[in-house]
PDB file of all heavy atoms in Angstrom:
ATOM      1  N   VAL A   1     -18.665  -5.615  -6.143  1.00  0.00           N
ATOM      2  CA  VAL A   1     -18.303  -6.127  -7.426  1.00  0.00           C
ATOM      3  C   VAL A   1     -17.335  -7.263  -7.237  1.00  0.00           C
ATOM      4  O   VAL A   1     -16.347  -7.120  -6.476  1.00  0.00           O
ATOM      5  CB  VAL A   1     -17.603  -4.950  -8.288  1.00  0.00           C
ATOM      6  CG1 VAL A   1     -17.251  -5.536  -9.671  1.00  0.00           C
ATOM      7  CG2 VAL A   1     -18.588  -3.869  -8.480  1.00  0.00           C
ATOM      8  N   PHE A   2     -17.547  -8.354  -7.976  1.00  0.00           N
ATOM      9  CA  PHE A   2     -16.657  -9.490  -8.044  1.00  0.00           C
ATOM     10  C   PHE A   2     -16.056  -9.367  -9.442  1.00  0.00           C
ATOM     11  O   PHE A   2     -16.655  -9.566 -10.457  1.00  0.00           O
ATOM     12  CB  PHE A   2     -17.323 -10.834  -7.869  1.00  0.00           C
ATOM     13  CG  PHE A   2     -17.933 -11.003  -6.500  1.00  0.00           C
ATOM     14  CD1 PHE A   2     -19.282 -10.632  -6.285  1.00  0.00           C
ATOM     15  CD2 PHE A   2     -17.177 -11.435  -5.427  1.00  0.00           C
ATOM     16  CE1 PHE A   2     -19.818 -10.781  -5.008  1.00  0.00           C
ATOM     17  CE2 PHE A   2     -17.752 -11.548  -4.211  1.00  0.00           C
ATOM     18  CZ  PHE A   2     -19.059 -11.245  -3.938  1.00  0.00           C
ATOM     19  N   ASN A   3     -14.709  -9.051  -9.532  1.00  0.00           N
ATOM     20  CA  ASN A   3     -13.996  -8.921 -10.803  1.00  0.00           C
ATOM     21  C   ASN A   3     -12.675  -9.612 -10.768  1.00  0.00           C
ATOM     22  O   ASN A   3     -11.706  -9.091 -11.227  1.00  0.00           O
ATOM     23  CB  ASN A   3     -13.920  -7.487 -11.163  1.00  0.00           C
ATOM     24  CG  ASN A   3     -13.183  -6.617 -10.271  1.00  0.00           C
ATOM     25  OD1 ASN A   3     -12.647  -7.162  -9.166  1.00  0.00           O
ATOM     26  ND2 ASN A   3     -12.961  -5.395 -10.526  1.00  0.00           N
ATOM     27  N   GLY A   4     -12.617 -10.739 -10.106  1.00  0.00           N
ATOM     28  CA  GLY A   4     -11.334 -11.381  -9.916  1.00  0.00           C
ATOM     29  C   GLY A   4     -10.903 -11.157  -8.458  1.00  0.00           C
ATOM     30  O   GLY A   4      -9.973 -11.774  -7.978  1.00  0.00           O
ATOM     31  N   LYS A   5     -11.439 -10.121  -7.868  1.00  0.00           N
ATOM     32  CA  LYS A   5     -11.327  -9.678  -6.469  1.00  0.00           C
ATOM     33  C   LYS A   5     -12.631  -9.105  -6.003  1.00  0.00           C
ATOM     34  O   LYS A   5     -13.549  -8.898  -6.772  1.00  0.00           O
ATOM     35  CB  LYS A   5     -10.169  -8.795  -6.297  1.00  0.00           C
ATOM     36  CG  LYS A   5     -10.343  -7.432  -6.822  1.00  0.00           C
ATOM     37  CD  LYS A   5      -9.279  -6.374  -6.251  1.00  0.00           C
ATOM     38  CE  LYS A   5      -8.140  -6.400  -7.182  1.00  0.00           C
ATOM     39  NZ  LYS A   5      -7.134  -5.344  -6.662  1.00  0.00           N
ATOM     40  N   PHE A   6     -12.751  -8.979  -4.712  1.00  0.00           N
ATOM     41  CA  PHE A   6     -13.949  -8.373  -4.066  1.00  0.00           C
ATOM     42  C   PHE A   6     -13.752  -6.930  -3.924  1.00  0.00           C
ATOM     43  O   PHE A   6     -12.662  -6.513  -3.397  1.00  0.00           O
ATOM     44  CB  PHE A   6     -14.098  -9.057  -2.712  1.00  0.00           C
ATOM     45  CG  PHE A   6     -15.099  -8.410  -1.832  1.00  0.00           C
ATOM     46  CD1 PHE A   6     -16.460  -8.877  -1.827  1.00  0.00           C
ATOM     47  CD2 PHE A   6     -14.765  -7.262  -0.972  1.00  0.00           C
ATOM     48  CE1 PHE A   6     -17.418  -8.265  -0.967  1.00  0.00           C
ATOM     49  CE2 PHE A   6     -15.804  -6.756  -0.239  1.00  0.00           C
ATOM     50  CZ  PHE A   6     -17.046  -7.209  -0.171  1.00  0.00           C
ATOM     51  N   VAL A   7     -14.665  -6.167  -4.388  1.00  0.00           N
ATOM     52  CA  VAL A   7     -14.524  -4.690  -4.282  1.00  0.00           C
ATOM     53  C   VAL A   7     -15.956  -4.199  -3.673  1.00  0.00           C
ATOM     54  O   VAL A   7     -16.950  -4.384  -4.272  1.00  0.00           O
ATOM     55  CB  VAL A   7     -14.298  -3.948  -5.600  1.00  0.00           C
ATOM     56  CG1 VAL A   7     -14.162  -2.469  -5.428  1.00  0.00           C
ATOM     57  CG2 VAL A   7     -12.951  -4.444  -6.179  1.00  0.00           C
ATOM     58  N   PHE A   8     -15.811  -3.488  -2.556  1.00  0.00           N
ATOM     59  CA  PHE A   8     -17.032  -2.831  -2.017  1.00  0.00           C
ATOM     60  C   PHE A   8     -16.799  -1.358  -2.058  1.00  0.00           C
ATOM     61  O   PHE A   8     -15.743  -0.859  -1.776  1.00  0.00           O
ATOM     62  CB  PHE A   8     -17.201  -3.320  -0.537  1.00  0.00           C
ATOM     63  CG  PHE A   8     -18.235  -2.439   0.269  1.00  0.00           C
ATOM     64  CD1 PHE A   8     -19.577  -2.571  -0.011  1.00  0.00           C
ATOM     65  CD2 PHE A   8     -17.830  -1.581   1.227  1.00  0.00           C
ATOM     66  CE1 PHE A   8     -20.485  -1.794   0.650  1.00  0.00           C
ATOM     67  CE2 PHE A   8     -18.813  -0.875   1.917  1.00  0.00           C
ATOM     68  CZ  PHE A   8     -20.056  -0.978   1.650  1.00  0.00           C
ATOM     69  N   GLU A   9     -17.900  -0.701  -2.534  1.00  0.00           N
ATOM     70  CA  GLU A   9     -17.813   0.800  -2.504  1.00  0.00           C
ATOM     71  C   GLU A   9     -19.107   1.277  -1.880  1.00  0.00           C
ATOM     72  O   GLU A   9     -20.226   1.014  -2.303  1.00  0.00           O
ATOM     73  CB  GLU A   9     -17.759   1.268  -3.980  1.00  0.00           C
ATOM     74  CG  GLU A   9     -17.503   2.780  -3.990  1.00  0.00           C
ATOM     75  CD  GLU A   9     -17.193   3.264  -5.418  1.00  0.00           C
ATOM     76  OE1 GLU A   9     -16.854   2.449  -6.301  1.00  0.00           O
ATOM     77  OE2 GLU A   9     -17.124   4.563  -5.546  1.00  0.00           O
ATOM     78  N   LEU A  10     -18.907   2.041  -0.890  1.00  0.00           N
ATOM     79  CA  LEU A  10     -19.948   2.714  -0.232  1.00  0.00           C
ATOM     80  C   LEU A  10     -20.650   3.809  -1.000  1.00  0.00           C
ATOM     81  O   LEU A  10     -19.866   4.573  -1.681  1.00  0.00           O
ATOM     82  CB  LEU A  10     -19.386   3.376   1.158  1.00  0.00           C
ATOM     83  CG  LEU A  10     -20.431   3.767   2.244  1.00  0.00           C
ATOM     84  CD1 LEU A  10     -21.295   2.591   2.743  1.00  0.00           C
ATOM     85  CD2 LEU A  10     -19.628   4.435   3.435  1.00  0.00           C
ATOM     86  N   ALA A  11     -21.876   3.927  -1.080  1.00  0.00           N
ATOM     87  CA  ALA A  11     -22.588   4.969  -1.811  1.00  0.00           C
ATOM     88  C   ALA A  11     -22.153   6.347  -1.395  1.00  0.00           C
ATOM     89  O   ALA A  11     -21.903   6.577  -0.185  1.00  0.00           O
ATOM     90  CB  ALA A  11     -24.091   4.810  -1.738  1.00  0.00           C
ATOM     91  N   ASP A  12     -22.152   7.312  -2.156  1.00  0.00           N
ATOM     92  CA  ASP A  12     -21.741   8.692  -1.863  1.00  0.00           C
ATOM     93  C   ASP A  12     -22.570   9.303  -0.790  1.00  0.00           C
ATOM     94  O   ASP A  12     -22.051  10.034  -0.010  1.00  0.00           O
ATOM     95  CB  ASP A  12     -21.876   9.525  -3.173  1.00  0.00           C
ATOM     96  CG  ASP A  12     -20.795   9.258  -4.173  1.00  0.00           C
ATOM     97  OD1 ASP A  12     -19.749   8.677  -3.837  1.00  0.00           O
ATOM     98  OD2 ASP A  12     -20.936   9.667  -5.324  1.00  0.00           O
ATOM     99  N   ASN A  13     -23.806   8.938  -0.712  1.00  0.00           N
ATOM    100  CA  ASN A  13     -24.734   9.612   0.246  1.00  0.00           C
ATOM    101  C   ASN A  13     -24.730   8.863   1.601  1.00  0.00           C
ATOM    102  O   ASN A  13     -25.389   9.284   2.619  1.00  0.00           O
ATOM    103  CB  ASN A  13     -26.186   9.645  -0.248  1.00  0.00           C
ATOM    104  CG  ASN A  13     -26.734   8.223  -0.390  1.00  0.00           C
ATOM    105  OD1 ASN A  13     -26.094   7.285  -0.889  1.00  0.00           O
ATOM    106  ND2 ASN A  13     -28.086   8.001  -0.162  1.00  0.00           N
ATOM    107  N   ILE A  14     -23.916   7.849   1.796  1.00  0.00           N
ATOM    108  CA  ILE A  14     -23.822   7.151   3.083  1.00  0.00           C
ATOM    109  C   ILE A  14     -22.537   7.554   3.757  1.00  0.00           C
ATOM    110  O   ILE A  14     -21.438   7.332   3.275  1.00  0.00           O
ATOM    111  CB  ILE A  14     -23.779   5.624   2.851  1.00  0.00           C
ATOM    112  CG1 ILE A  14     -25.014   5.144   2.073  1.00  0.00           C
ATOM    113  CG2 ILE A  14     -23.658   4.902   4.224  1.00  0.00           C
ATOM    114  CD1 ILE A  14     -26.366   5.376   2.817  1.00  0.00           C
ATOM    115  N   PRO A  15     -22.678   8.205   4.932  1.00  0.00           N
ATOM    116  CA  PRO A  15     -21.451   8.607   5.645  1.00  0.00           C
ATOM    117  C   PRO A  15     -20.616   7.387   6.209  1.00  0.00           C
ATOM    118  O   PRO A  15     -21.185   6.416   6.672  1.00  0.00           O
ATOM    119  CB  PRO A  15     -22.011   9.489   6.845  1.00  0.00           C
ATOM    120  CG  PRO A  15     -23.382   9.722   6.486  1.00  0.00           C
ATOM    121  CD  PRO A  15     -23.901   8.572   5.596  1.00  0.00           C
ATOM    122  N   THR A  16     -19.327   7.535   6.076  1.00  0.00           N
ATOM    123  CA  THR A  16     -18.532   6.446   6.562  1.00  0.00           C
ATOM    124  C   THR A  16     -18.714   6.146   8.097  1.00  0.00           C
ATOM    125  O   THR A  16     -18.642   5.027   8.522  1.00  0.00           O
ATOM    126  CB  THR A  16     -16.959   6.685   6.385  1.00  0.00           C
ATOM    127  OG1 THR A  16     -16.667   7.958   6.870  1.00  0.00           O
ATOM    128  CG2 THR A  16     -16.689   6.689   4.821  1.00  0.00           C
ATOM    129  N   ASN A  17     -18.925   7.230   8.841  1.00  0.00           N
ATOM    130  CA  ASN A  17     -19.207   6.995  10.295  1.00  0.00           C
ATOM    131  C   ASN A  17     -20.393   6.112  10.517  1.00  0.00           C
ATOM    132  O   ASN A  17     -20.485   5.230  11.414  1.00  0.00           O
ATOM    133  CB  ASN A  17     -19.340   8.281  11.032  1.00  0.00           C
ATOM    134  CG  ASN A  17     -18.004   8.979  11.189  1.00  0.00           C
ATOM    135  OD1 ASN A  17     -16.907   8.369  11.061  1.00  0.00           O
ATOM    136  ND2 ASN A  17     -17.975  10.310  11.333  1.00  0.00           N
ATOM    137  N   TYR A  18     -21.451   6.265   9.681  1.00  0.00           N
ATOM    138  CA  TYR A  18     -22.721   5.524   9.860  1.00  0.00           C
ATOM    139  C   TYR A  18     -22.398   4.030   9.512  1.00  0.00           C
ATOM    140  O   TYR A  18     -22.685   3.095  10.273  1.00  0.00           O
ATOM    141  CB  TYR A  18     -23.848   6.077   8.890  1.00  0.00           C
ATOM    142  CG  TYR A  18     -24.979   5.108   8.720  1.00  0.00           C
ATOM    143  CD1 TYR A  18     -25.987   5.085   9.830  1.00  0.00           C
ATOM    144  CD2 TYR A  18     -25.147   4.319   7.676  1.00  0.00           C
ATOM    145  CE1 TYR A  18     -26.992   4.210   9.665  1.00  0.00           C
ATOM    146  CE2 TYR A  18     -26.204   3.499   7.516  1.00  0.00           C
ATOM    147  CZ  TYR A  18     -27.164   3.396   8.550  1.00  0.00           C
ATOM    148  OH  TYR A  18     -28.194   2.569   8.429  1.00  0.00           O
ATOM    149  N   TRP A  19     -21.677   3.808   8.363  1.00  0.00           N
ATOM    150  CA  TRP A  19     -21.396   2.520   8.035  1.00  0.00           C
ATOM    151  C   TRP A  19     -20.468   1.784   9.010  1.00  0.00           C
ATOM    152  O   TRP A  19     -20.552   0.562   9.315  1.00  0.00           O
ATOM    153  CB  TRP A  19     -20.637   2.435   6.635  1.00  0.00           C
ATOM    154  CG  TRP A  19     -20.343   1.072   6.189  1.00  0.00           C
ATOM    155  CD1 TRP A  19     -19.121   0.438   6.142  1.00  0.00           C
ATOM    156  CD2 TRP A  19     -21.239   0.047   5.851  1.00  0.00           C
ATOM    157  NE1 TRP A  19     -19.154  -0.716   5.647  1.00  0.00           N
ATOM    158  CE2 TRP A  19     -20.509  -1.124   5.595  1.00  0.00           C
ATOM    159  CE3 TRP A  19     -22.647  -0.061   5.796  1.00  0.00           C
ATOM    160  CZ2 TRP A  19     -21.088  -2.330   5.152  1.00  0.00           C
ATOM    161  CZ3 TRP A  19     -23.203  -1.268   5.454  1.00  0.00           C
ATOM    162  CH2 TRP A  19     -22.426  -2.278   5.132  1.00  0.00           C
ATOM    163  N   LYS A  20     -19.566   2.541   9.638  1.00  0.00           N
ATOM    164  CA  LYS A  20     -18.660   1.854  10.665  1.00  0.00           C
ATOM    165  C   LYS A  20     -19.426   1.411  11.894  1.00  0.00           C
ATOM    166  O   LYS A  20     -19.070   0.496  12.566  1.00  0.00           O
ATOM    167  CB  LYS A  20     -17.553   2.847  11.065  1.00  0.00           C
ATOM    168  CG  LYS A  20     -16.520   3.027   9.959  1.00  0.00           C
ATOM    169  CD  LYS A  20     -15.454   3.987  10.381  1.00  0.00           C
ATOM    170  CE  LYS A  20     -14.406   4.196   9.250  1.00  0.00           C
ATOM    171  NZ  LYS A  20     -13.421   5.116   9.651  1.00  0.00           N
ATOM    172  N   GLN A  21     -20.582   2.071  12.093  1.00  0.00           N
ATOM    173  CA  GLN A  21     -21.440   1.570  13.224  1.00  0.00           C
ATOM    174  C   GLN A  21     -22.302   0.395  12.938  1.00  0.00           C
ATOM    175  O   GLN A  21     -22.558  -0.401  13.737  1.00  0.00           O
ATOM    176  CB  GLN A  21     -22.381   2.796  13.645  1.00  0.00           C
ATOM    177  CG  GLN A  21     -21.667   3.922  14.269  1.00  0.00           C
ATOM    178  CD  GLN A  21     -22.503   5.100  14.538  1.00  0.00           C
ATOM    179  OE1 GLN A  21     -23.743   5.045  14.460  1.00  0.00           O
ATOM    180  NE2 GLN A  21     -21.895   6.224  14.825  1.00  0.00           N
ATOM    181  N   VAL A  22     -22.743   0.380  11.626  1.00  0.00           N
ATOM    182  CA  VAL A  22     -23.795  -0.716  11.320  1.00  0.00           C
ATOM    183  C   VAL A  22     -23.332  -1.796  10.361  1.00  0.00           C
ATOM    184  O   VAL A  22     -23.901  -2.775  10.191  1.00  0.00           O
ATOM    185  CB  VAL A  22     -25.061  -0.089  10.745  1.00  0.00           C
ATOM    186  CG1 VAL A  22     -25.690   0.847  11.773  1.00  0.00           C
ATOM    187  CG2 VAL A  22     -24.888   0.606   9.425  1.00  0.00           C
ATOM    188  N   GLY A  23     -22.242  -1.428   9.659  1.00  0.00           N
ATOM    189  CA  GLY A  23     -21.754  -2.276   8.562  1.00  0.00           C
ATOM    190  C   GLY A  23     -20.934  -3.561   8.968  1.00  0.00           C
ATOM    191  O   GLY A  23     -20.491  -3.653  10.051  1.00  0.00           O
ATOM    192  N   PHE A  24     -20.864  -4.448   8.095  1.00  0.00           N
ATOM    193  CA  PHE A  24     -20.145  -5.698   8.326  1.00  0.00           C
ATOM    194  C   PHE A  24     -18.919  -5.848   7.437  1.00  0.00           C
ATOM    195  O   PHE A  24     -18.175  -6.797   7.537  1.00  0.00           O
ATOM    196  CB  PHE A  24     -21.075  -6.848   8.047  1.00  0.00           C
ATOM    197  CG  PHE A  24     -21.688  -6.988   6.703  1.00  0.00           C
ATOM    198  CD1 PHE A  24     -21.049  -7.589   5.634  1.00  0.00           C
ATOM    199  CD2 PHE A  24     -22.862  -6.359   6.365  1.00  0.00           C
ATOM    200  CE1 PHE A  24     -21.568  -7.621   4.365  1.00  0.00           C
ATOM    201  CE2 PHE A  24     -23.432  -6.382   5.135  1.00  0.00           C
ATOM    202  CZ  PHE A  24     -22.689  -7.012   4.076  1.00  0.00           C
ATOM    203  N   ILE A  25     -18.654  -4.812   6.587  1.00  0.00           N
ATOM    204  CA  ILE A  25     -17.360  -4.890   5.861  1.00  0.00           C
ATOM    205  C   ILE A  25     -16.583  -3.565   6.373  1.00  0.00           C
ATOM    206  O   ILE A  25     -16.982  -2.466   6.199  1.00  0.00           O
ATOM    207  CB  ILE A  25     -17.694  -4.624   4.275  1.00  0.00           C
ATOM    208  CG1 ILE A  25     -18.523  -5.738   3.819  1.00  0.00           C
ATOM    209  CG2 ILE A  25     -16.343  -4.509   3.511  1.00  0.00           C
ATOM    210  CD1 ILE A  25     -19.056  -5.572   2.384  1.00  0.00           C
ATOM    211  N   PRO A  26     -15.431  -3.910   6.945  1.00  0.00           N
ATOM    212  CA  PRO A  26     -14.639  -2.770   7.582  1.00  0.00           C
ATOM    213  C   PRO A  26     -14.021  -1.922   6.525  1.00  0.00           C
ATOM    214  O   PRO A  26     -13.665  -2.385   5.455  1.00  0.00           O
ATOM    215  CB  PRO A  26     -13.581  -3.475   8.398  1.00  0.00           C
ATOM    216  CG  PRO A  26     -13.568  -4.929   7.927  1.00  0.00           C
ATOM    217  CD  PRO A  26     -14.820  -5.227   7.234  1.00  0.00           C
ATOM    218  N   LEU A  27     -14.074  -0.638   6.888  1.00  0.00           N
ATOM    219  CA  LEU A  27     -13.423   0.345   5.937  1.00  0.00           C
ATOM    220  C   LEU A  27     -12.185   1.007   6.712  1.00  0.00           C
ATOM    221  O   LEU A  27     -12.320   1.283   7.902  1.00  0.00           O
ATOM    222  CB  LEU A  27     -14.400   1.468   5.566  1.00  0.00           C
ATOM    223  CG  LEU A  27     -15.547   1.005   4.768  1.00  0.00           C
ATOM    224  CD1 LEU A  27     -16.609   2.177   4.608  1.00  0.00           C
ATOM    225  CD2 LEU A  27     -15.204   0.446   3.410  1.00  0.00           C
ATOM    226  N   ALA A  28     -11.162   1.145   6.024  1.00  0.00           N
ATOM    227  CA  ALA A  28      -9.926   1.742   6.646  1.00  0.00           C
ATOM    228  C   ALA A  28     -10.142   3.218   6.717  1.00  0.00           C
ATOM    229  O   ALA A  28     -10.465   3.803   5.705  1.00  0.00           O
ATOM    230  CB  ALA A  28      -8.713   1.387   5.932  1.00  0.00           C
ATOM    231  N   ASN A  29      -9.848   3.824   7.837  1.00  0.00           N
ATOM    232  CA  ASN A  29      -9.858   5.306   8.006  1.00  0.00           C
ATOM    233  C   ASN A  29     -11.197   5.824   7.459  1.00  0.00           C
ATOM    234  O   ASN A  29     -12.219   5.344   7.895  1.00  0.00           O
ATOM    235  CB  ASN A  29      -8.648   5.958   7.306  1.00  0.00           C
ATOM    236  CG  ASN A  29      -7.356   5.447   7.849  1.00  0.00           C
ATOM    237  OD1 ASN A  29      -7.181   5.295   8.989  1.00  0.00           O
ATOM    238  ND2 ASN A  29      -6.350   5.154   6.904  1.00  0.00           N
ATOM    239  N   ASN A  30     -11.198   6.809   6.641  1.00  0.00           N
ATOM    240  CA  ASN A  30     -12.427   7.279   6.004  1.00  0.00           C
ATOM    241  C   ASN A  30     -12.658   6.894   4.666  1.00  0.00           C
ATOM    242  O   ASN A  30     -13.368   7.510   3.847  1.00  0.00           O
ATOM    243  CB  ASN A  30     -12.481   8.878   6.212  1.00  0.00           C
ATOM    244  CG  ASN A  30     -12.804   9.283   7.563  1.00  0.00           C
ATOM    245  OD1 ASN A  30     -13.496   8.596   8.319  1.00  0.00           O
ATOM    246  ND2 ASN A  30     -12.295  10.423   7.970  1.00  0.00           N
TER     247      ASN A  30
END
């Protein structure tokens, strides 16, 4: 979402560990 800032939200069904392996937007901790 672009709402004056950039906001990325991972879908509920996507594990953070999976995204950390394949994703291009870093997530802090979990």
